[in-house]
């Protein structure tokens, strides 16, 4: 494993090192680390899909009449967005004053 970054198909591969010490501290570096006698290093790769950088722009507008209360099934809405976008969604409904509903 190396500390380079390269493309493989639809992924970016990021090489890095995690360094652990006896006291429980952890640090990360992109270059091969210089180690103290109480440290151990692990070479690692992170494989990230290029789709992470293709940020979709979402926009929605919900208009509710003054005499009607909205009814939104958050589980169905969240599942639909997750299915369409392929990512986990933290979907919340907020009142106009900013408080959670």
PDB file of N, CA and C in Angstrom:
ATOM      1  N   UNK A   1       0.843  -1.184   0.000  1.00  0.00           N
ATOM      2  CA  UNK A   1       0.000   0.000   0.000  1.00  0.00           C
ATOM      3  C   UNK A   1       0.885   1.242   0.000  1.00  0.00           C
ATOM      4  N   UNK A   2       0.383   2.260  -0.639  1.00  0.00           N
ATOM      5  CA  UNK A   2       1.175   3.486  -0.711  1.00  0.00           C
ATOM      6  C   UNK A   2       0.359   4.645  -0.183  1.00  0.00           C
ATOM      7  N   UNK A   3       1.009   5.798  -0.108  1.00  0.00           N
ATOM      8  CA  UNK A   3       0.313   6.989   0.375  1.00  0.00           C
ATOM      9  C   UNK A   3      -0.187   7.842  -0.780  1.00  0.00           C
ATOM     10  N   UNK A   4      -0.217   7.269  -1.983  1.00  0.00           N
ATOM     11  CA  UNK A   4      -0.669   8.031  -3.142  1.00  0.00           C
ATOM     12  C   UNK A   4      -2.188   7.980  -3.268  1.00  0.00           C
ATOM     13  N   UNK A   5      -2.694   8.823  -4.132  1.00  0.00           N
ATOM     14  CA  UNK A   5      -4.110   8.826  -4.471  1.00  0.00           C
ATOM     15  C   UNK A   5      -4.209   8.499  -5.954  1.00  0.00           C
ATOM     16  N   UNK A   6      -5.078   7.549  -6.286  1.00  0.00           N
ATOM     17  CA  UNK A   6      -5.240   7.190  -7.684  1.00  0.00           C
ATOM     18  C   UNK A   6      -6.677   6.766  -7.950  1.00  0.00           C
ATOM     19  N   UNK A   7      -7.018   6.725  -9.214  1.00  0.00           N
ATOM     20  CA  UNK A   7      -8.372   6.370  -9.639  1.00  0.00           C
ATOM     21  C   UNK A   7      -8.389   4.923 -10.094  1.00  0.00           C
ATOM     22  N   UNK A   8      -9.416   4.198  -9.678  1.00  0.00           N
ATOM     23  CA  UNK A   8      -9.599   2.818 -10.092  1.00  0.00           C
ATOM     24  C   UNK A   8     -11.073   2.644 -10.451  1.00  0.00           C
ATOM     25  N   UNK A   9     -11.363   2.609 -11.751  1.00  0.00           N
ATOM     26  CA  UNK A   9     -12.754   2.519 -12.181  1.00  0.00           C
ATOM     27  C   UNK A   9     -13.525   3.757 -11.767  1.00  0.00           C
ATOM     28  N   UNK A  10     -14.587   3.572 -10.988  1.00  0.00           N
ATOM     29  CA  UNK A  10     -15.409   4.684 -10.515  1.00  0.00           C
ATOM     30  C   UNK A  10     -15.069   5.084  -9.087  1.00  0.00           C
ATOM     31  N   UNK A  11     -13.869   4.718  -8.636  1.00  0.00           N
ATOM     32  CA  UNK A  11     -13.455   5.008  -7.261  1.00  0.00           C
ATOM     33  C   UNK A  11     -12.162   5.804  -7.235  1.00  0.00           C
ATOM     34  N   UNK A  12     -11.978   6.550  -6.145  1.00  0.00           N
ATOM     35  CA  UNK A  12     -10.684   7.145  -5.818  1.00  0.00           C
ATOM     36  C   UNK A  12     -10.120   6.358  -4.655  1.00  0.00           C
ATOM     37  N   UNK A  13      -8.851   6.008  -4.750  1.00  0.00           N
ATOM     38  CA  UNK A  13      -8.183   5.268  -3.688  1.00  0.00           C
ATOM     39  C   UNK A  13      -7.215   6.229  -3.003  1.00  0.00           C
ATOM     40  N   UNK A  14      -7.401   6.422  -1.706  1.00  0.00           N
ATOM     41  CA  UNK A  14      -6.546   7.296  -0.909  1.00  0.00           C
ATOM     42  C   UNK A  14      -5.698   6.433   0.010  1.00  0.00           C
ATOM     43  N   UNK A  15      -4.375   6.505  -0.159  1.00  0.00           N
ATOM     44  CA  UNK A  15      -3.480   5.781   0.738  1.00  0.00           C
ATOM     45  C   UNK A  15      -3.109   6.653   1.926  1.00  0.00           C
ATOM     46  N   UNK A  16      -3.037   6.048   3.106  1.00  0.00           N
ATOM     47  CA  UNK A  16      -2.669   6.789   4.311  1.00  0.00           C
ATOM     48  C   UNK A  16      -2.157   5.815   5.367  1.00  0.00           C
ATOM     49  N   UNK A  17      -1.628   6.348   6.440  1.00  0.00           N
ATOM     50  CA  UNK A  17      -1.116   5.563   7.561  1.00  0.00           C
ATOM     51  C   UNK A  17      -1.842   5.953   8.840  1.00  0.00           C
ATOM     52  N   UNK A  18      -2.218   4.965   9.634  1.00  0.00           N
ATOM     53  CA  UNK A  18      -2.709   5.205  10.985  1.00  0.00           C
ATOM     54  C   UNK A  18      -1.596   4.795  11.936  1.00  0.00           C
ATOM     55  N   UNK A  19      -1.305   5.688  12.884  1.00  0.00           N
ATOM     56  CA  UNK A  19      -0.245   5.431  13.859  1.00  0.00           C
ATOM     57  C   UNK A  19      -0.879   5.376  15.244  1.00  0.00           C
ATOM     58  N   UNK A  20      -0.643   4.268  15.948  1.00  0.00           N
ATOM     59  CA  UNK A  20      -1.180   4.052  17.290  1.00  0.00           C
ATOM     60  C   UNK A  20      -0.038   4.051  18.281  1.00  0.00           C
ATOM     61  N   UNK A  21      -0.290   4.569  19.494  1.00  0.00           N
ATOM     62  CA  UNK A  21       0.745   4.468  20.523  1.00  0.00           C
ATOM     63  C   UNK A  21       0.190   3.740  21.741  1.00  0.00           C
ATOM     64  N   UNK A  22       1.089   3.425  22.689  1.00  0.00           N
ATOM     65  CA  UNK A  22       0.731   2.642  23.865  1.00  0.00           C
ATOM     66  C   UNK A  22      -0.328   3.309  24.740  1.00  0.00           C
ATOM     67  N   UNK A  23      -0.375   4.628  24.730  1.00  0.00           N
ATOM     68  CA  UNK A  23      -1.324   5.333  25.590  1.00  0.00           C
ATOM     69  C   UNK A  23      -2.721   5.434  24.965  1.00  0.00           C
ATOM     70  N   UNK A  24      -2.881   4.938  23.729  1.00  0.00           N
ATOM     71  CA  UNK A  24      -4.188   4.954  23.091  1.00  0.00           C
ATOM     72  C   UNK A  24      -4.394   6.080  22.101  1.00  0.00           C
ATOM     73  N   UNK A  25      -3.395   6.913  21.892  1.00  0.00           N
ATOM     74  CA  UNK A  25      -3.519   7.990  20.915  1.00  0.00           C
ATOM     75  C   UNK A  25      -3.403   7.430  19.497  1.00  0.00           C
ATOM     76  N   UNK A  26      -4.070   8.097  18.582  1.00  0.00           N
ATOM     77  CA  UNK A  26      -4.049   7.705  17.170  1.00  0.00           C
ATOM     78  C   UNK A  26      -3.830   8.955  16.339  1.00  0.00           C
ATOM     79  N   UNK A  27      -3.003   8.843  15.316  1.00  0.00           N
ATOM     80  CA  UNK A  27      -2.838   9.938  14.371  1.00  0.00           C
ATOM     81  C   UNK A  27      -2.829   9.367  12.964  1.00  0.00           C
ATOM     82  N   UNK A  28      -3.064  10.231  11.995  1.00  0.00           N
ATOM     83  CA  UNK A  28      -3.081   9.824  10.608  1.00  0.00           C
ATOM     84  C   UNK A  28      -2.090  10.676   9.830  1.00  0.00           C
ATOM     85  N   UNK A  29      -1.439  10.071   8.855  1.00  0.00           N
ATOM     86  CA  UNK A  29      -0.530  10.800   7.983  1.00  0.00           C
ATOM     87  C   UNK A  29      -0.613  10.212   6.582  1.00  0.00           C
ATOM     88  N   UNK A  30      -0.388  11.053   5.584  1.00  0.00           N
ATOM     89  CA  UNK A  30      -0.393  10.576   4.204  1.00  0.00           C
ATOM     90  C   UNK A  30       0.971  10.014   3.799  1.00  0.00           C
ATOM     91  N   UNK A  31       2.012  10.390   4.510  1.00  0.00           N
ATOM     92  CA  UNK A  31       3.365   9.920   4.194  1.00  0.00           C
ATOM     93  C   UNK A  31       3.785   8.828   5.169  1.00  0.00           C
ATOM     94  N   UNK A  32       4.698   7.959   4.774  1.00  0.00           N
ATOM     95  CA  UNK A  32       5.182   6.952   5.725  1.00  0.00           C
ATOM     96  C   UNK A  32       5.682   7.641   6.999  1.00  0.00           C
ATOM     97  N   UNK A  33       5.204   7.203   8.155  1.00  0.00           N
ATOM     98  CA  UNK A  33       5.499   7.919   9.390  1.00  0.00           C
ATOM     99  C   UNK A  33       6.866   7.579   9.979  1.00  0.00           C
ATOM    100  N   UNK A  34       7.400   8.533  10.729  1.00  0.00           N
ATOM    101  CA  UNK A  34       8.541   8.281  11.610  1.00  0.00           C
ATOM    102  C   UNK A  34       7.937   7.850  12.936  1.00  0.00           C
ATOM    103  N   UNK A  35       8.372   6.705  13.435  1.00  0.00           N
ATOM    104  CA  UNK A  35       7.748   6.147  14.621  1.00  0.00           C
ATOM    105  C   UNK A  35       8.622   6.260  15.852  1.00  0.00           C
ATOM    106  N   UNK A  36       7.993   6.572  16.965  1.00  0.00           N
ATOM    107  CA  UNK A  36       8.606   6.491  18.280  1.00  0.00           C
ATOM    108  C   UNK A  36       8.633   5.011  18.665  1.00  0.00           C
ATOM    109  N   UNK A  37       9.417   4.632  19.656  1.00  0.00           N
ATOM    110  CA  UNK A  37       9.507   3.216  20.019  1.00  0.00           C
ATOM    111  C   UNK A  37       8.194   2.658  20.564  1.00  0.00           C
ATOM    112  N   UNK A  38       7.297   3.531  21.017  1.00  0.00           N
ATOM    113  CA  UNK A  38       6.004   3.087  21.552  1.00  0.00           C
ATOM    114  C   UNK A  38       4.877   3.198  20.532  1.00  0.00           C
ATOM    115  N   UNK A  39       5.216   3.395  19.260  1.00  0.00           N
ATOM    116  CA  UNK A  39       4.208   3.551  18.220  1.00  0.00           C
ATOM    117  C   UNK A  39       4.265   2.398  17.231  1.00  0.00           C
ATOM    118  N   UNK A  40       3.102   2.098  16.653  1.00  0.00           N
ATOM    119  CA  UNK A  40       3.001   1.122  15.575  1.00  0.00           C
ATOM    120  C   UNK A  40       2.151   1.751  14.482  1.00  0.00           C
ATOM    121  N   UNK A  41       2.499   1.456  13.214  1.00  0.00           N
ATOM    122  CA  UNK A  41       1.796   2.052  12.075  1.00  0.00           C
ATOM    123  C   UNK A  41       1.120   0.976  11.240  1.00  0.00           C
ATOM    124  N   UNK A  42       0.000   1.345  10.664  1.00  0.00           N
ATOM    125  CA  UNK A  42      -0.738   0.465   9.761  1.00  0.00           C
ATOM    126  C   UNK A  42      -0.982   1.236   8.473  1.00  0.00           C
ATOM    127  N   UNK A  43      -0.532   0.670   7.360  1.00  0.00           N
ATOM    128  CA  UNK A  43      -0.782   1.274   6.053  1.00  0.00           C
ATOM    129  C   UNK A  43      -2.198   0.909   5.632  1.00  0.00           C
ATOM    130  N   UNK A  44      -2.955   1.905   5.179  1.00  0.00           N
ATOM    131  CA  UNK A  44      -4.359   1.684   4.838  1.00  0.00           C
ATOM    132  C   UNK A  44      -4.707   2.360   3.524  1.00  0.00           C
ATOM    133  N   UNK A  45      -5.772   1.882   2.906  1.00  0.00           N
ATOM    134  CA  UNK A  45      -6.357   2.513   1.726  1.00  0.00           C
ATOM    135  C   UNK A  45      -7.822   2.780   2.011  1.00  0.00           C
ATOM    136  N   UNK A  46      -8.309   3.935   1.593  1.00  0.00           N
ATOM    137  CA  UNK A  46      -9.734   4.252   1.640  1.00  0.00           C
ATOM    138  C   UNK A  46     -10.215   4.311   0.195  1.00  0.00           C
ATOM    139  N   UNK A  47     -11.226   3.520  -0.126  1.00  0.00           N
ATOM    140  CA  UNK A  47     -11.804   3.486  -1.480  1.00  0.00           C
ATOM    141  C   UNK A  47     -13.120   4.248  -1.425  1.00  0.00           C
ATOM    142  N   UNK A  48     -13.173   5.388  -2.105  1.00  0.00           N
ATOM    143  CA  UNK A  48     -14.352   6.239  -2.092  1.00  0.00           C
ATOM    144  C   UNK A  48     -14.911   6.375  -3.503  1.00  0.00           C
ATOM    145  N   UNK A  49     -16.218   6.198  -3.672  1.00  0.00           N
ATOM    146  CA  UNK A  49     -16.802   6.328  -5.018  1.00  0.00           C
ATOM    147  C   UNK A  49     -16.763   7.781  -5.487  1.00  0.00           C
ATOM    148  N   UNK A  50     -16.475   7.968  -6.770  1.00  0.00           N
ATOM    149  CA  UNK A  50     -16.458   9.313  -7.349  1.00  0.00           C
ATOM    150  C   UNK A  50     -17.815   9.995  -7.201  1.00  0.00           C
ATOM    151  N   UNK A  51     -18.872   9.222  -7.057  1.00  0.00           N
ATOM    152  CA  UNK A  51     -20.215   9.785  -6.907  1.00  0.00           C
ATOM    153  C   UNK A  51     -20.333  10.662  -5.667  1.00  0.00           C
ATOM    154  N   UNK A  52     -19.442  10.492  -4.689  1.00  0.00           N
ATOM    155  CA  UNK A  52     -19.470  11.356  -3.500  1.00  0.00           C
ATOM    156  C   UNK A  52     -19.267  12.821  -3.861  1.00  0.00           C
ATOM    157  N   UNK A  53     -18.580  13.083  -4.960  1.00  0.00           N
ATOM    158  CA  UNK A  53     -18.303  14.460  -5.362  1.00  0.00           C
ATOM    159  C   UNK A  53     -19.334  14.996  -6.355  1.00  0.00           C
ATOM    160  N   UNK A  54     -20.275  14.171  -6.748  1.00  0.00           N
ATOM    161  CA  UNK A  54     -21.354  14.606  -7.636  1.00  0.00           C
ATOM    162  C   UNK A  54     -22.548  14.974  -6.755  1.00  0.00           C
ATOM    163  N   UNK A  55     -22.479  16.133  -6.146  1.00  0.00           N
ATOM    164  CA  UNK A  55     -23.492  16.562  -5.190  1.00  0.00           C
ATOM    165  C   UNK A  55     -24.768  16.975  -5.917  1.00  0.00           C
ATOM    166  N   UNK A  56     -25.850  16.280  -5.633  1.00  0.00           N
ATOM    167  CA  UNK A  56     -27.101  16.675  -6.268  1.00  0.00           C
ATOM    168  C   UNK A  56     -27.657  17.936  -5.616  1.00  0.00           C
ATOM    169  N   UNK A  57     -28.376  18.706  -6.399  1.00  0.00           N
ATOM    170  CA  UNK A  57     -29.057  19.874  -5.863  1.00  0.00           C
ATOM    171  C   UNK A  57     -30.524  19.521  -5.722  1.00  0.00           C
ATOM    172  N   UNK A  58     -30.993  19.532  -4.488  1.00  0.00           N
ATOM    173  CA  UNK A  58     -32.381  19.196  -4.224  1.00  0.00           C
ATOM    174  C   UNK A  58     -33.134  20.444  -3.828  1.00  0.00           C
ATOM    175  N   UNK A  59     -34.357  20.517  -4.282  1.00  0.00           N
ATOM    176  CA  UNK A  59     -35.200  21.645  -3.935  1.00  0.00           C
ATOM    177  C   UNK A  59     -36.628  21.154  -3.821  1.00  0.00           C
ATOM    178  N   UNK A  60     -37.335  21.647  -2.823  1.00  0.00           N
ATOM    179  CA  UNK A  60     -38.728  21.260  -2.647  1.00  0.00           C
ATOM    180  C   UNK A  60     -39.487  22.427  -2.059  1.00  0.00           C
ATOM    181  N   UNK A  61     -40.767  22.450  -2.359  1.00  0.00           N
ATOM    182  CA  UNK A  61     -41.630  23.469  -1.781  1.00  0.00           C
ATOM    183  C   UNK A  61     -42.929  22.792  -1.408  1.00  0.00           C
ATOM    184  N   UNK A  62     -43.355  23.004  -0.169  1.00  0.00           N
ATOM    185  CA  UNK A  62     -44.598  22.454   0.331  1.00  0.00           C
ATOM    186  C   UNK A  62     -45.476  23.611   0.748  1.00  0.00           C
ATOM    187  N   UNK A  63     -46.641  23.710   0.129  1.00  0.00           N
ATOM    188  CA  UNK A  63     -47.576  24.780   0.451  1.00  0.00           C
ATOM    189  C   UNK A  63     -48.776  24.153   1.139  1.00  0.00           C
ATOM    190  N   UNK A  64     -49.092  24.653   2.320  1.00  0.00           N
ATOM    191  CA  UNK A  64     -50.205  24.127   3.100  1.00  0.00           C
ATOM    192  C   UNK A  64     -51.192  25.253   3.354  1.00  0.00           C
ATOM    193  N   UNK A  65     -52.478  24.975   3.134  1.00  0.00           N
ATOM    194  CA  UNK A  65     -53.513  25.962   3.438  1.00  0.00           C
ATOM    195  C   UNK A  65     -53.546  26.229   4.933  1.00  0.00           C
ATOM    196  N   UNK A  66     -53.946  27.421   5.316  1.00  0.00           N
ATOM    197  CA  UNK A  66     -53.960  27.823   6.718  1.00  0.00           C
ATOM    198  C   UNK A  66     -54.851  26.929   7.563  1.00  0.00           C
ATOM    199  N   UNK A  67     -55.908  26.366   6.998  1.00  0.00           N
ATOM    200  CA  UNK A  67     -56.823  25.544   7.793  1.00  0.00           C
ATOM    201  C   UNK A  67     -56.513  24.044   7.726  1.00  0.00           C
ATOM    202  N   UNK A  68     -55.415  23.665   7.085  1.00  0.00           N
ATOM    203  CA  UNK A  68     -55.057  22.248   6.974  1.00  0.00           C
ATOM    204  C   UNK A  68     -53.686  22.001   7.598  1.00  0.00           C
ATOM    205  N   UNK A  69     -53.580  20.932   8.354  1.00  0.00           N
ATOM    206  CA  UNK A  69     -52.292  20.547   8.949  1.00  0.00           C
ATOM    207  C   UNK A  69     -51.618  19.538   8.024  1.00  0.00           C
ATOM    208  N   UNK A  70     -50.330  19.720   7.747  1.00  0.00           N
ATOM    209  CA  UNK A  70     -49.648  18.773   6.863  1.00  0.00           C
ATOM    210  C   UNK A  70     -49.450  17.424   7.546  1.00  0.00           C
ATOM    211  N   UNK A  71     -49.499  16.378   6.759  1.00  0.00           N
ATOM    212  CA  UNK A  71     -49.250  15.030   7.253  1.00  0.00           C
ATOM    213  C   UNK A  71     -48.192  14.420   6.346  1.00  0.00           C
ATOM    214  N   UNK A  72     -47.008  14.207   6.902  1.00  0.00           N
ATOM    215  CA  UNK A  72     -45.893  13.687   6.115  1.00  0.00           C
ATOM    216  C   UNK A  72     -45.393  12.410   6.775  1.00  0.00           C
ATOM    217  N   UNK A  73     -45.342  11.323   6.019  1.00  0.00           N
ATOM    218  CA  UNK A  73     -44.776  10.082   6.523  1.00  0.00           C
ATOM    219  C   UNK A  73     -43.270  10.170   6.292  1.00  0.00           C
ATOM    220  N   UNK A  74     -42.540  10.502   7.348  1.00  0.00           N
ATOM    221  CA  UNK A  74     -41.097  10.743   7.236  1.00  0.00           C
ATOM    222  C   UNK A  74     -40.344   9.483   6.805  1.00  0.00           C
ATOM    223  N   UNK A  75     -40.801   8.325   7.244  1.00  0.00           N
ATOM    224  CA  UNK A  75     -40.116   7.083   6.889  1.00  0.00           C
ATOM    225  C   UNK A  75     -40.203   6.833   5.380  1.00  0.00           C
ATOM    226  N   UNK A  76     -41.378   7.034   4.811  1.00  0.00           N
ATOM    227  CA  UNK A  76     -41.545   6.836   3.365  1.00  0.00           C
ATOM    228  C   UNK A  76     -40.745   7.880   2.588  1.00  0.00           C
ATOM    229  N   UNK A  77     -40.791   9.141   3.029  1.00  0.00           N
ATOM    230  CA  UNK A  77     -40.041  10.198   2.346  1.00  0.00           C
ATOM    231  C   UNK A  77     -38.542   9.929   2.403  1.00  0.00           C
ATOM    232  N   UNK A  78     -38.052   9.527   3.568  1.00  0.00           N
ATOM    233  CA  UNK A  78     -36.623   9.240   3.729  1.00  0.00           C
ATOM    234  C   UNK A  78     -36.206   8.059   2.863  1.00  0.00           C
ATOM    235  N   UNK A  79     -37.015   6.993   2.856  1.00  0.00           N
ATOM    236  CA  UNK A  79     -36.699   5.814   2.039  1.00  0.00           C
ATOM    237  C   UNK A  79     -36.696   6.154   0.551  1.00  0.00           C
ATOM    238  N   UNK A  80     -37.625   6.997   0.121  1.00  0.00           N
ATOM    239  CA  UNK A  80     -37.687   7.382  -1.297  1.00  0.00           C
ATOM    240  C   UNK A  80     -36.446   8.175  -1.695  1.00  0.00           C
ATOM    241  N   UNK A  81     -36.022   9.113  -0.859  1.00  0.00           N
ATOM    242  CA  UNK A  81     -34.810   9.881  -1.163  1.00  0.00           C
ATOM    243  C   UNK A  81     -33.578   8.987  -1.145  1.00  0.00           C
ATOM    244  N   UNK A  82     -33.499   8.085  -0.173  1.00  0.00           N
ATOM    245  CA  UNK A  82     -32.351   7.178  -0.097  1.00  0.00           C
ATOM    246  C   UNK A  82     -32.270   6.312  -1.350  1.00  0.00           C
ATOM    247  N   UNK A  83     -33.419   5.822  -1.803  1.00  0.00           N
ATOM    248  CA  UNK A  83     -33.453   4.993  -3.001  1.00  0.00           C
ATOM    249  C   UNK A  83     -33.056   5.785  -4.243  1.00  0.00           C
ATOM    250  N   UNK A  84     -33.541   7.008  -4.358  1.00  0.00           N
ATOM    251  CA  UNK A  84     -33.258   7.831  -5.540  1.00  0.00           C
ATOM    252  C   UNK A  84     -31.816   8.309  -5.588  1.00  0.00           C
ATOM    253  N   UNK A  85     -31.250   8.648  -4.419  1.00  0.00           N
ATOM    254  CA  UNK A  85     -29.912   9.233  -4.383  1.00  0.00           C
ATOM    255  C   UNK A  85     -28.819   8.243  -4.035  1.00  0.00           C
ATOM    256  N   UNK A  86     -29.177   7.126  -3.417  1.00  0.00           N
ATOM    257  CA  UNK A  86     -28.184   6.142  -3.026  1.00  0.00           C
ATOM    258  C   UNK A  86     -27.381   6.548  -1.803  1.00  0.00           C
ATOM    259  N   UNK A  87     -27.920   7.438  -0.980  1.00  0.00           N
ATOM    260  CA  UNK A  87     -27.238   7.865   0.243  1.00  0.00           C
ATOM    261  C   UNK A  87     -28.250   7.907   1.383  1.00  0.00           C
ATOM    262  N   UNK A  88     -27.748   7.830   2.622  1.00  0.00           N
ATOM    263  CA  UNK A  88     -28.617   7.983   3.779  1.00  0.00           C
ATOM    264  C   UNK A  88     -29.012   9.447   3.924  1.00  0.00           C
ATOM    265  N   UNK A  89     -30.256   9.675   4.293  1.00  0.00           N
ATOM    266  CA  UNK A  89     -30.800  11.022   4.407  1.00  0.00           C
ATOM    267  C   UNK A  89     -31.268  11.257   5.838  1.00  0.00           C
ATOM    268  N   UNK A  90     -30.917  12.401   6.403  1.00  0.00           N
ATOM    269  CA  UNK A  90     -31.449  12.831   7.693  1.00  0.00           C
ATOM    270  C   UNK A  90     -32.507  13.876   7.385  1.00  0.00           C
ATOM    271  N   UNK A  91     -33.754  13.439   7.286  1.00  0.00           N
ATOM    272  CA  UNK A  91     -34.856  14.296   6.872  1.00  0.00           C
ATOM    273  C   UNK A  91     -35.623  14.756   8.102  1.00  0.00           C
ATOM    274  N   UNK A  92     -35.832  16.061   8.213  1.00  0.00           N
ATOM    275  CA  UNK A  92     -36.549  16.633   9.343  1.00  0.00           C
ATOM    276  C   UNK A  92     -37.542  17.665   8.845  1.00  0.00           C
ATOM    277  N   UNK A  93     -38.647  17.797   9.559  1.00  0.00           N
ATOM    278  CA  UNK A  93     -39.625  18.839   9.257  1.00  0.00           C
ATOM    279  C   UNK A  93     -39.515  19.865  10.356  1.00  0.00           C
ATOM    280  N   UNK A  94     -39.415  21.123   9.966  1.00  0.00           N
ATOM    281  CA  UNK A  94     -39.279  22.218  10.930  1.00  0.00           C
ATOM    282  C   UNK A  94     -40.418  23.212  10.757  1.00  0.00           C
ATOM    283  N   UNK A  95     -40.877  23.748  11.867  1.00  0.00           N
ATOM    284  CA  UNK A  95     -41.869  24.805  11.819  1.00  0.00           C
ATOM    285  C   UNK A  95     -41.209  26.071  11.264  1.00  0.00           C
ATOM    286  N   UNK A  96     -42.020  27.010  10.828  1.00  0.00           N
ATOM    287  CA  UNK A  96     -41.492  28.229  10.239  1.00  0.00           C
ATOM    288  C   UNK A  96     -40.577  28.984  11.194  1.00  0.00           C
ATOM    289  N   UNK A  97     -40.780  28.843  12.503  1.00  0.00           N
ATOM    290  CA  UNK A  97     -39.932  29.542  13.476  1.00  0.00           C
ATOM    291  C   UNK A  97     -38.622  28.796  13.737  1.00  0.00           C
ATOM    292  N   UNK A  98     -38.420  27.630  13.089  1.00  0.00           N
ATOM    293  CA  UNK A  98     -37.173  26.907  13.195  1.00  0.00           C
ATOM    294  C   UNK A  98     -37.186  25.783  14.212  1.00  0.00           C
ATOM    295  N   UNK A  99     -38.238  25.658  15.025  1.00  0.00           N
ATOM    296  CA  UNK A  99     -38.321  24.568  15.988  1.00  0.00           C
ATOM    297  C   UNK A  99     -38.648  23.271  15.265  1.00  0.00           C
ATOM    298  N   UNK A 100     -38.186  22.155  15.797  1.00  0.00           N
ATOM    299  CA  UNK A 100     -38.504  20.867  15.202  1.00  0.00           C
ATOM    300  C   UNK A 100     -39.980  20.577  15.358  1.00  0.00           C
ATOM    301  N   UNK A 101     -40.531  19.873  14.414  1.00  0.00           N
ATOM    302  CA  UNK A 101     -41.958  19.523  14.466  1.00  0.00           C
ATOM    303  C   UNK A 101     -42.111  18.038  14.673  1.00  0.00           C
TER     304      UNK A 101
END
